[in-house]
Protein backbone atom coordinates (compact mmCIF):
# COMPACT_ATOMS: atom_id res chain seq x y z
CA MET A 1 -22.73 374.22 -72.78
CA PHE A 2 -19.65 375.48 -74.81
CA ILE A 3 -18.48 371.92 -75.32
CA ALA A 4 -21.87 370.98 -76.47
CA LEU A 5 -21.93 373.88 -78.96
CA LEU A 6 -18.36 372.89 -80.16
CA SER A 7 -19.48 369.14 -80.54
CA VAL A 8 -22.62 370.05 -82.42
CA THR A 9 -20.80 372.24 -85.03
CA PHE A 10 -18.11 369.74 -85.50
CA LEU A 11 -20.66 366.92 -86.09
CA LEU A 12 -22.64 369.25 -88.55
CA ALA A 13 -19.45 370.10 -90.39
CA VAL A 14 -18.47 366.45 -90.76
CA LEU A 15 -22.05 365.62 -91.85
CA VAL A 16 -22.20 368.43 -94.50
CA SER A 17 -18.72 367.41 -95.57
CA TRP A 18 -19.79 363.74 -95.97
CA ILE A 19 -22.83 364.64 -98.00
CA ILE A 20 -20.77 366.81 -100.38
CA ALA A 21 -18.09 364.10 -100.58
CA ARG A 22 -20.68 361.49 -101.62
CA MET A 23 -22.30 363.90 -104.11
CA PHE A 24 -19.21 364.62 -106.00
CA GLN A 25 -17.23 361.21 -105.44
CA SER A 26 -18.15 359.60 -108.80
CA ARG A 27 -17.69 362.85 -110.68
CA LEU A 28 -14.24 363.41 -109.21
CA GLN A 29 -13.16 359.78 -110.01
CA SER A 30 -14.27 360.25 -113.49
CA ILE A 31 -12.50 363.49 -114.11
CA LEU A 32 -9.36 362.05 -112.58
CA ASP A 33 -9.59 359.02 -114.55
CA ARG A 34 -9.81 360.83 -117.77
CA ILE A 35 -6.96 363.30 -116.76
CA ILE A 36 -4.55 360.72 -115.20
CA ASP A 37 -5.57 357.52 -116.93
CA ASP A 38 -3.82 355.31 -114.42
CA GLU A 39 -4.65 353.48 -111.23
CA ILE A 40 -3.16 356.42 -109.10
CA SER A 41 -6.35 358.24 -109.81
CA SER A 42 -8.25 356.37 -107.25
CA ALA A 43 -5.58 357.52 -104.65
CA TRP A 44 -6.14 361.08 -105.87
CA THR A 45 -9.91 360.75 -105.47
CA ARG A 46 -9.14 359.63 -101.78
CA TYR A 47 -6.95 362.49 -101.12
CA LEU A 48 -9.64 364.95 -102.55
CA THR A 49 -12.20 363.23 -100.35
CA PHE A 50 -10.00 363.71 -97.46
CA ALA A 51 -9.32 367.45 -98.47
CA ILE A 52 -13.21 367.84 -98.60
CA TYR A 53 -13.45 366.94 -94.88
CA VAL A 54 -10.50 368.91 -93.88
CA VAL A 55 -11.61 372.00 -95.57
CA GLY A 56 -15.16 371.51 -94.51
CA VAL A 57 -14.37 371.02 -90.87
CA SER A 58 -11.91 373.78 -90.60
CA SER A 59 -14.32 376.23 -92.48
CA GLY A 60 -17.42 375.08 -90.40
CA VAL A 61 -15.90 374.93 -86.91
CA ARG A 62 -14.65 378.40 -86.27
CA VAL A 63 -12.86 377.95 -82.93
CA TRP A 64 -11.58 381.37 -82.81
CA GLU A 65 -15.20 382.72 -82.84
CA PHE A 66 -16.13 380.45 -79.95
CA GLU A 67 -13.64 382.32 -77.68
CA LYS A 68 -16.11 384.94 -77.07
CA TYR A 69 -18.12 382.42 -75.06
CA LEU A 70 -15.15 381.65 -72.75
CA SER A 71 -13.85 385.10 -72.05
CA PRO A 72 -15.00 388.69 -72.46
CA THR A 73 -14.01 390.43 -75.60
CA VAL A 74 -12.75 393.58 -73.92
CA PRO A 75 -11.14 393.81 -70.31
CA GLY A 76 -13.85 394.16 -67.82
CA GLY A 77 -16.65 393.13 -70.38
CA ILE A 78 -19.27 390.40 -70.25
CA VAL A 79 -18.86 386.99 -71.64
CA ALA A 80 -21.38 385.99 -74.40
CA LYS A 81 -24.22 383.85 -73.27
CA LEU A 82 -25.22 380.69 -75.15
CA THR A 83 -29.03 381.22 -75.59
CA PRO A 84 -31.06 379.32 -78.01
CA GLU A 85 -30.80 382.17 -80.57
CA VAL A 86 -27.15 382.05 -80.50
CA TRP A 87 -27.17 378.23 -81.00
CA THR A 88 -29.25 378.69 -84.03
CA LEU A 89 -27.05 381.26 -85.32
CA GLU A 90 -23.98 379.38 -84.63
CA ILE A 91 -25.43 376.18 -86.25
CA TYR A 92 -26.34 378.24 -89.46
CA ARG A 93 -22.75 379.66 -89.58
CA ALA A 94 -21.29 376.06 -89.30
CA ILE A 95 -23.40 374.82 -92.22
CA ILE A 96 -22.85 377.80 -94.41
CA GLY A 97 -19.10 377.96 -93.50
CA THR A 98 -18.68 374.23 -94.38
CA LEU A 99 -20.45 374.70 -97.64
CA GLN A 100 -18.61 377.89 -98.45
CA GLY A 101 -15.15 376.42 -97.80
CA VAL A 102 -15.75 373.21 -99.74
CA ALA A 103 -17.24 375.07 -102.66
CA TRP A 104 -14.10 377.15 -102.97
CA MET A 105 -11.81 374.11 -102.76
CA LEU A 106 -13.96 372.29 -105.46
CA LEU A 107 -13.92 375.39 -107.54
CA VAL A 108 -10.08 375.45 -107.58
CA PHE A 109 -9.91 371.79 -108.35
CA PHE A 110 -12.30 372.09 -111.22
CA ILE A 111 -10.41 375.02 -112.73
CA PHE A 112 -7.16 372.99 -112.55
CA ALA A 113 -8.87 370.03 -113.85
CA LEU A 114 -10.23 371.88 -116.78
CA LEU A 115 -6.79 373.18 -117.65
CA ALA A 116 -5.40 369.68 -117.33
CA TYR A 117 -8.27 368.25 -119.61
CA VAL A 118 -7.36 370.84 -122.19
CA ILE A 119 -3.78 369.82 -122.20
CA VAL A 120 -4.65 366.16 -122.40
CA ARG A 121 -7.14 366.84 -125.18
CA GLY A 122 -4.68 368.92 -127.01
CA ARG A 123 -2.18 366.10 -126.84
CA GLU A 124 -4.77 363.58 -128.22
CA LEU A 125 -5.64 365.74 -131.21
CA LYS A 126 -1.97 366.33 -132.53
CA PRO A 127 -1.36 365.06 -135.90
CA GLY A 128 -0.18 361.55 -136.14
CA LYS A 129 -1.96 360.47 -133.02
CA LYS A 130 -4.94 358.40 -132.75
CA THR A 131 -7.94 360.25 -131.26
CA THR A 132 -10.15 358.56 -128.54
CA VAL A 133 -13.34 360.03 -127.77
């Protein structure tokens, strides 16, 4: 039963990460094309997609929390049971954890992308340079 719960939460975290990666792929590519303006931007987009999966799975599948289903939390205590209510709660935690982890990662990326955009735009607007809009 424990292996099934671990597998289900892993698959859910991958699925949620895939959905997020698909939703943001074109936006990430256009931001990186604008900032980097080189063919290496596609490599950075692939790296960010990979990072979405890594952060999503590591945030959604909380292995250290699953230890309570294998051994008692206190010596002489009882091992937690995997009831349908616990499954529902763990699935909910996996989805929310994945969303939360990826949201923080994308927030940090967009903050740095905004700073990079301001720098790139500032260089384009310097006197003597042709502006491209």
